[in-house]
């Protein structure tokens, strides 16, 4: 086996995700999206507070 073919086999094994199909059941998409929305709104609020002089 060459280095390239063994690296390819390793990457294919990692990309397939093993037995679970790549899905993580512990992450709820609504909680993740809600957390991202809150974080972005907080960053927007902070940005508008620092830009009062414009």
PDB file of N, CA and C in Angstrom:
ATOM      1  N   UNK A   1       0.836  -1.173   0.000  1.00  0.00           N
ATOM      2  CA  UNK A   1       0.000   0.000   0.000  1.00  0.00           C
ATOM      3  C   UNK A   1       0.886   1.242   0.000  1.00  0.00           C
ATOM      4  N   UNK A   2       0.531   2.198  -0.794  1.00  0.00           N
ATOM      5  CA  UNK A   2       1.303   3.430  -0.809  1.00  0.00           C
ATOM      6  C   UNK A   2       0.749   4.390   0.230  1.00  0.00           C
ATOM      7  N   UNK A   3       1.493   5.446   0.435  1.00  0.00           N
ATOM      8  CA  UNK A   3       1.084   6.446   1.422  1.00  0.00           C
ATOM      9  C   UNK A   3      -0.211   7.130   1.000  1.00  0.00           C
ATOM     10  N   UNK A   4      -0.349   7.390  -0.294  1.00  0.00           N
ATOM     11  CA  UNK A   4      -1.538   8.081  -0.782  1.00  0.00           C
ATOM     12  C   UNK A   4      -2.782   7.212  -0.632  1.00  0.00           C
ATOM     13  N   UNK A   5      -2.692   5.934  -0.947  1.00  0.00           N
ATOM     14  CA  UNK A   5      -3.869   5.084  -0.835  1.00  0.00           C
ATOM     15  C   UNK A   5      -4.256   4.846   0.626  1.00  0.00           C
ATOM     16  N   UNK A   6      -3.283   4.751   1.510  1.00  0.00           N
ATOM     17  CA  UNK A   6      -3.629   4.583   2.918  1.00  0.00           C
ATOM     18  C   UNK A   6      -4.239   5.864   3.493  1.00  0.00           C
ATOM     19  N   UNK A   7      -3.743   7.019   3.051  1.00  0.00           N
ATOM     20  CA  UNK A   7      -4.344   8.277   3.493  1.00  0.00           C
ATOM     21  C   UNK A   7      -5.764   8.406   2.955  1.00  0.00           C
ATOM     22  N   UNK A   8      -5.973   7.961   1.722  1.00  0.00           N
ATOM     23  CA  UNK A   8      -7.309   8.019   1.131  1.00  0.00           C
ATOM     24  C   UNK A   8      -8.273   7.125   1.905  1.00  0.00           C
ATOM     25  N   UNK A   9      -7.837   5.921   2.247  1.00  0.00           N
ATOM     26  CA  UNK A   9      -8.692   5.013   3.014  1.00  0.00           C
ATOM     27  C   UNK A   9      -9.039   5.594   4.382  1.00  0.00           C
ATOM     28  N   UNK A  10      -8.072   6.242   5.010  1.00  0.00           N
ATOM     29  CA  UNK A  10      -8.325   6.853   6.310  1.00  0.00           C
ATOM     30  C   UNK A  10      -9.329   7.991   6.203  1.00  0.00           C
ATOM     31  N   UNK A  11      -9.197   8.825   5.175  1.00  0.00           N
ATOM     32  CA  UNK A  11     -10.124   9.940   4.998  1.00  0.00           C
ATOM     33  C   UNK A  11     -11.532   9.461   4.667  1.00  0.00           C
ATOM     34  N   UNK A  12     -11.639   8.407   3.898  1.00  0.00           N
ATOM     35  CA  UNK A  12     -12.957   7.858   3.583  1.00  0.00           C
ATOM     36  C   UNK A  12     -13.610   7.306   4.839  1.00  0.00           C
ATOM     37  N   UNK A  13     -12.834   6.667   5.697  1.00  0.00           N
ATOM     38  CA  UNK A  13     -13.380   6.130   6.945  1.00  0.00           C
ATOM     39  C   UNK A  13     -13.850   7.245   7.871  1.00  0.00           C
ATOM     40  N   UNK A  14     -13.107   8.342   7.922  1.00  0.00           N
ATOM     41  CA  UNK A  14     -13.496   9.470   8.770  1.00  0.00           C
ATOM     42  C   UNK A  14     -14.721  10.164   8.202  1.00  0.00           C
ATOM     43  N   UNK A  15     -14.771  10.331   6.890  1.00  0.00           N
ATOM     44  CA  UNK A  15     -15.878  11.036   6.260  1.00  0.00           C
ATOM     45  C   UNK A  15     -17.181  10.257   6.359  1.00  0.00           C
ATOM     46  N   UNK A  16     -17.111   8.935   6.380  1.00  0.00           N
ATOM     47  CA  UNK A  16     -18.339   8.147   6.443  1.00  0.00           C
ATOM     48  C   UNK A  16     -18.994   8.241   7.816  1.00  0.00           C
ATOM     49  N   UNK A  17     -18.247   8.567   8.837  1.00  0.00           N
ATOM     50  CA  UNK A  17     -18.818   8.747  10.162  1.00  0.00           C
ATOM     51  C   UNK A  17     -19.029   7.469  10.931  1.00  0.00           C
ATOM     52  N   UNK A  18     -18.574   6.377  10.436  1.00  0.00           N
ATOM     53  CA  UNK A  18     -18.715   5.115  11.158  1.00  0.00           C
ATOM     54  C   UNK A  18     -20.129   4.587  11.104  1.00  0.00           C
ATOM     55  N   UNK A  19     -20.634   4.102  12.230  1.00  0.00           N
ATOM     56  CA  UNK A  19     -21.938   3.449  12.277  1.00  0.00           C
ATOM     57  C   UNK A  19     -23.100   4.430  12.351  1.00  0.00           C
ATOM     58  N   UNK A  20     -22.856   5.639  12.801  1.00  0.00           N
ATOM     59  CA  UNK A  20     -23.956   6.552  13.106  1.00  0.00           C
ATOM     60  C   UNK A  20     -24.419   7.378  11.922  1.00  0.00           C
ATOM     61  N   UNK A  21     -23.764   7.313  10.803  1.00  0.00           N
ATOM     62  CA  UNK A  21     -24.208   8.065   9.645  1.00  0.00           C
ATOM     63  C   UNK A  21     -23.883   9.537   9.714  1.00  0.00           C
ATOM     64  N   UNK A  22     -23.055   9.964  10.646  1.00  0.00           N
ATOM     65  CA  UNK A  22     -22.636  11.363  10.725  1.00  0.00           C
ATOM     66  C   UNK A  22     -23.561  12.265  11.505  1.00  0.00           C
ATOM     67  N   UNK A  23     -24.649  11.744  12.038  1.00  0.00           N
ATOM     68  CA  UNK A  23     -25.564  12.593  12.793  1.00  0.00           C
ATOM     69  C   UNK A  23     -25.278  12.484  14.279  1.00  0.00           C
ATOM     70  N   UNK A  24     -25.382  13.611  14.951  1.00  0.00           N
ATOM     71  CA  UNK A  24     -25.175  13.652  16.388  1.00  0.00           C
ATOM     72  C   UNK A  24     -26.518  13.950  17.029  1.00  0.00           C
ATOM     73  N   UNK A  25     -27.088  13.008  17.727  1.00  0.00           N
ATOM     74  CA  UNK A  25     -28.424  13.173  18.287  1.00  0.00           C
ATOM     75  C   UNK A  25     -28.454  14.101  19.492  1.00  0.00           C
ATOM     76  N   UNK A  26     -27.301  14.433  20.059  1.00  0.00           N
ATOM     77  CA  UNK A  26     -27.314  15.277  21.240  1.00  0.00           C
ATOM     78  C   UNK A  26     -27.473  16.750  20.892  1.00  0.00           C
ATOM     79  N   UNK A  27     -27.305  17.127  19.634  1.00  0.00           N
ATOM     80  CA  UNK A  27     -27.447  18.523  19.234  1.00  0.00           C
ATOM     81  C   UNK A  27     -28.845  18.756  18.672  1.00  0.00           C
ATOM     82  N   UNK A  28     -29.623  19.562  19.371  1.00  0.00           N
ATOM     83  CA  UNK A  28     -30.948  19.924  18.910  1.00  0.00           C
ATOM     84  C   UNK A  28     -30.819  21.115  17.967  1.00  0.00           C
ATOM     85  N   UNK A  29     -31.326  21.031  16.740  1.00  0.00           N
ATOM     86  CA  UNK A  29     -31.155  22.142  15.798  1.00  0.00           C
ATOM     87  C   UNK A  29     -31.839  23.424  16.248  1.00  0.00           C
ATOM     88  N   UNK A  30     -32.938  23.328  16.984  1.00  0.00           N
ATOM     89  CA  UNK A  30     -33.622  24.529  17.451  1.00  0.00           C
ATOM     90  C   UNK A  30     -32.809  25.238  18.533  1.00  0.00           C
ATOM     91  N   UNK A  31     -32.186  24.480  19.414  1.00  0.00           N
ATOM     92  CA  UNK A  31     -31.345  25.079  20.452  1.00  0.00           C
ATOM     93  C   UNK A  31     -30.105  25.698  19.823  1.00  0.00           C
ATOM     94  N   UNK A  32     -29.503  25.010  18.863  1.00  0.00           N
ATOM     95  CA  UNK A  32     -28.325  25.536  18.190  1.00  0.00           C
ATOM     96  C   UNK A  32     -28.665  26.813  17.428  1.00  0.00           C
ATOM     97  N   UNK A  33     -29.760  26.809  16.691  1.00  0.00           N
ATOM     98  CA  UNK A  33     -30.176  27.995  15.944  1.00  0.00           C
ATOM     99  C   UNK A  33     -30.569  29.140  16.856  1.00  0.00           C
ATOM    100  N   UNK A  34     -31.267  28.818  17.941  1.00  0.00           N
ATOM    101  CA  UNK A  34     -31.646  29.861  18.900  1.00  0.00           C
ATOM    102  C   UNK A  34     -30.436  30.472  19.582  1.00  0.00           C
ATOM    103  N   UNK A  35     -29.472  29.631  19.932  1.00  0.00           N
ATOM    104  CA  UNK A  35     -28.245  30.154  20.542  1.00  0.00           C
ATOM    105  C   UNK A  35     -27.469  31.034  19.584  1.00  0.00           C
ATOM    106  N   UNK A  36     -27.417  30.631  18.318  1.00  0.00           N
ATOM    107  CA  UNK A  36     -26.731  31.452  17.311  1.00  0.00           C
ATOM    108  C   UNK A  36     -27.456  32.773  17.111  1.00  0.00           C
ATOM    109  N   UNK A  37     -28.771  32.752  17.089  1.00  0.00           N
ATOM    110  CA  UNK A  37     -29.549  33.978  16.930  1.00  0.00           C
ATOM    111  C   UNK A  37     -29.316  34.934  18.097  1.00  0.00           C
ATOM    112  N   UNK A  38     -29.324  34.400  19.310  1.00  0.00           N
ATOM    113  CA  UNK A  38     -29.093  35.243  20.494  1.00  0.00           C
ATOM    114  C   UNK A  38     -27.681  35.825  20.456  1.00  0.00           C
ATOM    115  N   UNK A  39     -26.701  35.016  20.070  1.00  0.00           N
ATOM    116  CA  UNK A  39     -25.323  35.508  20.002  1.00  0.00           C
ATOM    117  C   UNK A  39     -25.187  36.613  18.959  1.00  0.00           C
ATOM    118  N   UNK A  40     -25.818  36.446  17.806  1.00  0.00           N
ATOM    119  CA  UNK A  40     -25.732  37.478  16.765  1.00  0.00           C
ATOM    120  C   UNK A  40     -26.467  38.751  17.161  1.00  0.00           C
ATOM    121  N   UNK A  41     -27.615  38.601  17.818  1.00  0.00           N
ATOM    122  CA  UNK A  41     -28.325  39.788  18.292  1.00  0.00           C
ATOM    123  C   UNK A  41     -27.533  40.524  19.363  1.00  0.00           C
ATOM    124  N   UNK A  42     -26.847  39.777  20.221  1.00  0.00           N
ATOM    125  CA  UNK A  42     -25.992  40.404  21.226  1.00  0.00           C
ATOM    126  C   UNK A  42     -24.844  41.154  20.571  1.00  0.00           C
ATOM    127  N   UNK A  43     -24.216  40.550  19.571  1.00  0.00           N
ATOM    128  CA  UNK A  43     -23.144  41.237  18.852  1.00  0.00           C
ATOM    129  C   UNK A  43     -23.656  42.478  18.124  1.00  0.00           C
ATOM    130  N   UNK A  44     -24.868  42.413  17.568  1.00  0.00           N
ATOM    131  CA  UNK A  44     -25.454  43.572  16.911  1.00  0.00           C
ATOM    132  C   UNK A  44     -25.711  44.686  17.913  1.00  0.00           C
ATOM    133  N   UNK A  45     -26.200  44.331  19.082  1.00  0.00           N
ATOM    134  CA  UNK A  45     -26.465  45.332  20.114  1.00  0.00           C
ATOM    135  C   UNK A  45     -25.170  45.992  20.587  1.00  0.00           C
ATOM    136  N   UNK A  46     -24.122  45.184  20.788  1.00  0.00           N
ATOM    137  CA  UNK A  46     -22.825  45.722  21.205  1.00  0.00           C
ATOM    138  C   UNK A  46     -22.269  46.654  20.132  1.00  0.00           C
ATOM    139  N   UNK A  47     -22.391  46.262  18.865  1.00  0.00           N
ATOM    140  CA  UNK A  47     -21.884  47.089  17.779  1.00  0.00           C
ATOM    141  C   UNK A  47     -22.617  48.429  17.721  1.00  0.00           C
ATOM    142  N   UNK A  48     -23.918  48.424  17.918  1.00  0.00           N
ATOM    143  CA  UNK A  48     -24.669  49.680  17.866  1.00  0.00           C
ATOM    144  C   UNK A  48     -24.355  50.554  19.076  1.00  0.00           C
ATOM    145  N   UNK A  49     -24.000  49.987  20.209  1.00  0.00           N
ATOM    146  CA  UNK A  49     -23.626  50.784  21.379  1.00  0.00           C
ATOM    147  C   UNK A  49     -22.302  51.509  21.159  1.00  0.00           C
ATOM    148  N   UNK A  50     -21.353  50.864  20.465  1.00  0.00           N
ATOM    149  CA  UNK A  50     -20.057  51.494  20.224  1.00  0.00           C
ATOM    150  C   UNK A  50     -20.091  52.499  19.072  1.00  0.00           C
ATOM    151  N   UNK A  51     -21.156  52.513  18.300  1.00  0.00           N
ATOM    152  CA  UNK A  51     -21.234  53.378  17.127  1.00  0.00           C
ATOM    153  C   UNK A  51     -22.182  54.565  17.347  1.00  0.00           C
ATOM    154  N   UNK A  52     -22.295  55.063  18.541  1.00  0.00           N
ATOM    155  CA  UNK A  52     -23.235  56.145  18.832  1.00  0.00           C
ATOM    156  C   UNK A  52     -22.866  57.463  18.148  1.00  0.00           C
ATOM    157  N   UNK A  53     -21.591  57.690  17.892  1.00  0.00           N
ATOM    158  CA  UNK A  53     -21.162  58.988  17.371  1.00  0.00           C
ATOM    159  C   UNK A  53     -21.425  59.152  15.878  1.00  0.00           C
ATOM    160  N   UNK A  54     -21.923  58.173  15.199  1.00  0.00           N
ATOM    161  CA  UNK A  54     -22.150  58.301  13.750  1.00  0.00           C
ATOM    162  C   UNK A  54     -23.532  58.792  13.453  1.00  0.00           C
TER     163      UNK A  54
END
